[in-house]
Amino acid sequence: MSFPIFLKELRKNFVLHAVAAHFNNGLLPAALLFLFLSMFNDGPYFEHTVLHLIVLALCMIPVSFISGIRDWRTKFRGGRAPIFYRKMWLSGLLFLEVGSAATLRLTHSELLVDGFFKWLYIALIFGTLPVVVLLGHYGAKLAFELKPMR
């Protein structure tokens, strides 16, 4: 396949929401893994990686949300179904958790020293895991069970 044909196929089949959503669904569990690694390692590198991953995820959540709204309106004509509203609430919760974790980390450089902020930071990052799992679960239900309106 030549490069121009590849670009034409990519443009025809590219789904921004799927890319943005899967991006976060990969970044946040990786951030949790690096957070656990940083707790058992004296070097700052793993924890810096956590910060980089959550800031990147924080930037991608609005892209995922806005592209999801656009797809909902075009593919499902903005149909009022509980699953769409659950995904919207979960996206808001994810943005709040990741934004709070990033803000906490950026304002407290020695965060992983024992204390309240350490456990709040860990809880916020750990709390993203069930949210991304549910977002993915509901996304799969939409993609494989509900048929878009034509």
C-alpha atoms as a PDB file:
ATOM      1  CA  MET A   1       0.000   0.000   0.000  1.00  0.00           C
ATOM      2  CA  SER A   2       1.436   3.338  -1.008  1.00  0.00           C
ATOM      3  CA  PHE A   3       1.571   6.249   1.394  1.00  0.00           C
ATOM      4  CA  PRO A   4      -1.094   8.410  -0.370  1.00  0.00           C
ATOM      5  CA  ILE A   5      -3.533   5.467  -0.331  1.00  0.00           C
ATOM      6  CA  PHE A   6      -2.757   4.914   3.345  1.00  0.00           C
ATOM      7  CA  LEU A   7      -3.521   8.576   4.115  1.00  0.00           C
ATOM      8  CA  LYS A   8      -6.770   8.403   2.142  1.00  0.00           C
ATOM      9  CA  GLU A   9      -7.857   5.285   4.048  1.00  0.00           C
ATOM     10  CA  LEU A  10      -6.838   6.848   7.351  1.00  0.00           C
ATOM     11  CA  ARG A  11      -8.856   9.976   6.636  1.00  0.00           C
ATOM     12  CA  LYS A  12     -11.879   7.919   5.656  1.00  0.00           C
ATOM     13  CA  ASN A  13     -11.777   5.583   8.662  1.00  0.00           C
ATOM     14  CA  PHE A  14     -10.229   7.683  11.445  1.00  0.00           C
ATOM     15  CA  VAL A  15     -12.405   7.959  14.582  1.00  0.00           C
ATOM     16  CA  LEU A  16     -10.999  10.686  16.837  1.00  0.00           C
ATOM     17  CA  HIS A  17     -13.100   9.695  19.842  1.00  0.00           C
ATOM     18  CA  ALA A  18     -11.891   6.093  19.791  1.00  0.00           C
ATOM     19  CA  VAL A  19      -8.258   7.194  19.603  1.00  0.00           C
ATOM     20  CA  ALA A  20      -8.600   9.805  22.368  1.00  0.00           C
ATOM     21  CA  ALA A  21     -10.553   7.476  24.662  1.00  0.00           C
ATOM     22  CA  HIS A  22      -8.159   4.563  24.243  1.00  0.00           C
ATOM     23  CA  PHE A  23      -5.241   6.908  24.780  1.00  0.00           C
ATOM     24  CA  ASN A  24      -6.506   7.759  28.275  1.00  0.00           C
ATOM     25  CA  ASN A  25      -7.482   4.166  28.959  1.00  0.00           C
ATOM     26  CA  GLY A  26      -3.835   3.268  28.424  1.00  0.00           C
ATOM     27  CA  LEU A  27      -2.193   6.255  30.109  1.00  0.00           C
ATOM     28  CA  LEU A  28      -3.973   6.169  33.451  1.00  0.00           C
ATOM     29  CA  PRO A  29      -3.394   2.496  34.350  1.00  0.00           C
ATOM     30  CA  ALA A  30       0.247   3.030  33.340  1.00  0.00           C
ATOM     31  CA  ALA A  31       0.377   6.046  35.685  1.00  0.00           C
ATOM     32  CA  LEU A  32      -0.931   3.857  38.511  1.00  0.00           C
ATOM     33  CA  LEU A  33       1.737   1.230  37.764  1.00  0.00           C
ATOM     34  CA  PHE A  34       4.502   3.859  37.831  1.00  0.00           C
ATOM     35  CA  LEU A  35       3.069   5.281  41.041  1.00  0.00           C
ATOM     36  CA  PHE A  36       3.377   1.881  42.718  1.00  0.00           C
ATOM     37  CA  LEU A  37       6.903   1.468  41.328  1.00  0.00           C
ATOM     38  CA  SER A  38       7.860   4.896  42.710  1.00  0.00           C
ATOM     39  CA  MET A  39       6.719   3.864  46.180  1.00  0.00           C
ATOM     40  CA  PHE A  40       9.268   1.039  46.222  1.00  0.00           C
ATOM     41  CA  ASN A  41      12.101   2.912  44.554  1.00  0.00           C
ATOM     42  CA  ASP A  42      14.131   5.789  45.989  1.00  0.00           C
ATOM     43  CA  GLY A  43      14.689   7.510  42.639  1.00  0.00           C
ATOM     44  CA  PRO A  44      12.369  10.290  41.475  1.00  0.00           C
ATOM     45  CA  TYR A  45      12.087   9.016  37.915  1.00  0.00           C
ATOM     46  CA  PHE A  46       9.021   6.810  38.261  1.00  0.00           C
ATOM     47  CA  GLU A  47       7.111   9.513  40.104  1.00  0.00           C
ATOM     48  CA  HIS A  48       8.025  12.115  37.470  1.00  0.00           C
ATOM     49  CA  THR A  49       6.664   9.721  34.874  1.00  0.00           C
ATOM     50  CA  VAL A  50       3.380   9.602  36.810  1.00  0.00           C
ATOM     51  CA  LEU A  51       3.164  13.383  36.625  1.00  0.00           C
ATOM     52  CA  HIS A  52       3.874  13.396  32.893  1.00  0.00           C
ATOM     53  CA  LEU A  53       1.253  10.716  32.245  1.00  0.00           C
ATOM     54  CA  ILE A  54      -1.493  12.409  34.248  1.00  0.00           C
ATOM     55  CA  VAL A  55      -0.814  15.815  32.672  1.00  0.00           C
ATOM     56  CA  LEU A  56      -0.973  14.229  29.221  1.00  0.00           C
ATOM     57  CA  ALA A  57      -4.213  12.451  30.168  1.00  0.00           C
ATOM     58  CA  LEU A  58      -5.611  15.722  31.525  1.00  0.00           C
ATOM     59  CA  CYS A  59      -5.003  17.308  28.122  1.00  0.00           C
ATOM     60  CA  MET A  60      -6.661  14.414  26.273  1.00  0.00           C
ATOM     61  CA  ILE A  61      -9.825  14.096  28.401  1.00  0.00           C
ATOM     62  CA  PRO A  62     -11.476  17.181  26.839  1.00  0.00           C
ATOM     63  CA  VAL A  63     -10.614  15.877  23.351  1.00  0.00           C
ATOM     64  CA  SER A  64     -12.256  12.566  24.194  1.00  0.00           C
ATOM     65  CA  PHE A  65     -15.288  14.271  25.749  1.00  0.00           C
ATOM     66  CA  ILE A  66     -15.895  16.721  22.899  1.00  0.00           C
ATOM     67  CA  SER A  67     -15.372  14.111  20.189  1.00  0.00           C
ATOM     68  CA  GLY A  68     -17.707  11.758  22.086  1.00  0.00           C
ATOM     69  CA  ILE A  69     -20.412  14.431  22.195  1.00  0.00           C
ATOM     70  CA  ARG A  70     -19.938  15.028  18.462  1.00  0.00           C
ATOM     71  CA  ASP A  71     -20.203  11.309  17.692  1.00  0.00           C
ATOM     72  CA  TRP A  72     -23.270  10.975  19.944  1.00  0.00           C
ATOM     73  CA  ARG A  73     -25.004  13.790  18.106  1.00  0.00           C
ATOM     74  CA  THR A  74     -24.106  12.549  14.628  1.00  0.00           C
ATOM     75  CA  LYS A  75     -24.321   8.763  14.993  1.00  0.00           C
ATOM     76  CA  PHE A  76     -27.116   8.554  17.559  1.00  0.00           C
ATOM     77  CA  ARG A  77     -28.804  11.911  16.786  1.00  0.00           C
ATOM     78  CA  GLY A  78     -28.343  12.947  20.405  1.00  0.00           C
ATOM     79  CA  GLY A  79     -30.733  10.232  21.546  1.00  0.00           C
ATOM     80  CA  ARG A  80     -31.611  10.418  25.225  1.00  0.00           C
ATOM     81  CA  ALA A  81     -30.346   7.179  26.697  1.00  0.00           C
ATOM     82  CA  PRO A  82     -28.913   6.677  30.203  1.00  0.00           C
ATOM     83  CA  ILE A  83     -25.678   5.222  28.843  1.00  0.00           C
ATOM     84  CA  PHE A  84     -24.715   8.516  27.194  1.00  0.00           C
ATOM     85  CA  TYR A  85     -25.345  10.488  30.357  1.00  0.00           C
ATOM     86  CA  ARG A  86     -23.343   7.972  32.420  1.00  0.00           C
ATOM     87  CA  LYS A  87     -20.412   8.403  30.058  1.00  0.00           C
ATOM     88  CA  MET A  88     -20.665  12.186  30.357  1.00  0.00           C
ATOM     89  CA  TRP A  89     -20.727  12.066  34.169  1.00  0.00           C
ATOM     90  CA  LEU A  90     -17.852   9.593  34.240  1.00  0.00           C
ATOM     91  CA  SER A  91     -15.807  11.809  31.901  1.00  0.00           C
ATOM     92  CA  GLY A  92     -16.405  14.742  34.210  1.00  0.00           C
ATOM     93  CA  LEU A  93     -15.393  12.655  37.208  1.00  0.00           C
ATOM     94  CA  LEU A  94     -12.253  11.505  35.401  1.00  0.00           C
ATOM     95  CA  PHE A  95     -11.331  15.098  34.561  1.00  0.00           C
ATOM     96  CA  LEU A  96     -11.891  16.110  38.191  1.00  0.00           C
ATOM     97  CA  GLU A  97      -9.784  13.213  39.553  1.00  0.00           C
ATOM     98  CA  VAL A  98      -6.903  13.667  37.117  1.00  0.00           C
ATOM     99  CA  GLY A  99      -6.993  17.456  37.397  1.00  0.00           C
ATOM    100  CA  SER A 100      -6.973  17.265  41.185  1.00  0.00           C
ATOM    101  CA  ALA A 101      -4.099  14.773  41.178  1.00  0.00           C
ATOM    102  CA  ALA A 102      -2.063  16.925  38.780  1.00  0.00           C
ATOM    103  CA  THR A 103      -2.760  20.103  40.764  1.00  0.00           C
ATOM    104  CA  LEU A 104      -1.885  18.387  44.024  1.00  0.00           C
ATOM    105  CA  ARG A 105       1.384  17.065  42.602  1.00  0.00           C
ATOM    106  CA  LEU A 106       2.357  20.372  40.988  1.00  0.00           C
ATOM    107  CA  THR A 107       1.724  22.316  44.203  1.00  0.00           C
ATOM    108  CA  HIS A 108       3.415  19.803  46.546  1.00  0.00           C
ATOM    109  CA  SER A 109       6.753  18.697  45.117  1.00  0.00           C
ATOM    110  CA  GLU A 110       7.570  16.373  48.025  1.00  0.00           C
ATOM    111  CA  LEU A 111       4.187  14.721  47.809  1.00  0.00           C
ATOM    112  CA  LEU A 112       5.193  11.118  48.404  1.00  0.00           C
ATOM    113  CA  VAL A 113       6.483  11.838  51.878  1.00  0.00           C
ATOM    114  CA  ASP A 114       4.082  10.395  54.443  1.00  0.00           C
ATOM    115  CA  GLY A 115       1.029  12.474  55.106  1.00  0.00           C
ATOM    116  CA  PHE A 116      -2.505  13.266  54.096  1.00  0.00           C
ATOM    117  CA  PHE A 117      -1.616  14.577  50.624  1.00  0.00           C
ATOM    118  CA  LYS A 118       0.300  11.416  49.786  1.00  0.00           C
ATOM    119  CA  TRP A 119      -2.755   9.253  50.444  1.00  0.00           C
ATOM    120  CA  LEU A 120      -5.084  11.685  48.685  1.00  0.00           C
ATOM    121  CA  TYR A 121      -2.817  11.646  45.615  1.00  0.00           C
ATOM    122  CA  ILE A 122      -2.681   7.853  45.596  1.00  0.00           C
ATOM    123  CA  ALA A 123      -6.465   7.632  46.047  1.00  0.00           C
ATOM    124  CA  LEU A 124      -7.090  10.062  43.196  1.00  0.00           C
ATOM    125  CA  ILE A 125      -4.874   8.169  40.781  1.00  0.00           C
ATOM    126  CA  PHE A 126      -6.197   4.794  41.939  1.00  0.00           C
ATOM    127  CA  GLY A 127      -9.745   6.182  41.562  1.00  0.00           C
ATOM    128  CA  THR A 128      -9.181   6.752  37.860  1.00  0.00           C
ATOM    129  CA  LEU A 129      -8.934   3.011  37.246  1.00  0.00           C
ATOM    130  CA  PRO A 130     -12.596   2.069  37.817  1.00  0.00           C
ATOM    131  CA  VAL A 131     -13.665   5.188  35.919  1.00  0.00           C
ATOM    132  CA  VAL A 132     -11.695   4.327  32.767  1.00  0.00           C
ATOM    133  CA  VAL A 133     -12.871   0.708  33.029  1.00  0.00           C
ATOM    134  CA  LEU A 134     -16.519   1.832  33.171  1.00  0.00           C
ATOM    135  CA  LEU A 135     -16.016   4.321  30.347  1.00  0.00           C
ATOM    136  CA  GLY A 136     -14.530   1.557  28.224  1.00  0.00           C
ATOM    137  CA  HIS A 137     -17.305  -0.841  29.194  1.00  0.00           C
ATOM    138  CA  TYR A 138     -20.031   1.623  28.212  1.00  0.00           C
ATOM    139  CA  GLY A 139     -18.156   2.502  25.030  1.00  0.00           C
ATOM    140  CA  ALA A 140     -18.044  -1.165  24.082  1.00  0.00           C
ATOM    141  CA  LYS A 141     -21.771  -1.478  24.743  1.00  0.00           C
ATOM    142  CA  LEU A 142     -22.382   1.425  22.378  1.00  0.00           C
ATOM    143  CA  ALA A 143     -20.027   0.095  19.732  1.00  0.00           C
ATOM    144  CA  PHE A 144     -21.152  -3.526  19.773  1.00  0.00           C
ATOM    145  CA  GLU A 145     -24.706  -3.630  21.142  1.00  0.00           C
ATOM    146  CA  LEU A 146     -26.450  -0.398  20.177  1.00  0.00           C
ATOM    147  CA  LYS A 147     -26.769   0.386  16.513  1.00  0.00           C
ATOM    148  CA  PRO A 148     -26.378   3.999  15.409  1.00  0.00           C
ATOM    149  CA  MET A 149     -29.446   5.630  13.870  1.00  0.00           C
ATOM    150  CA  ARG A 150     -29.240   6.045  10.112  1.00  0.00           C
END
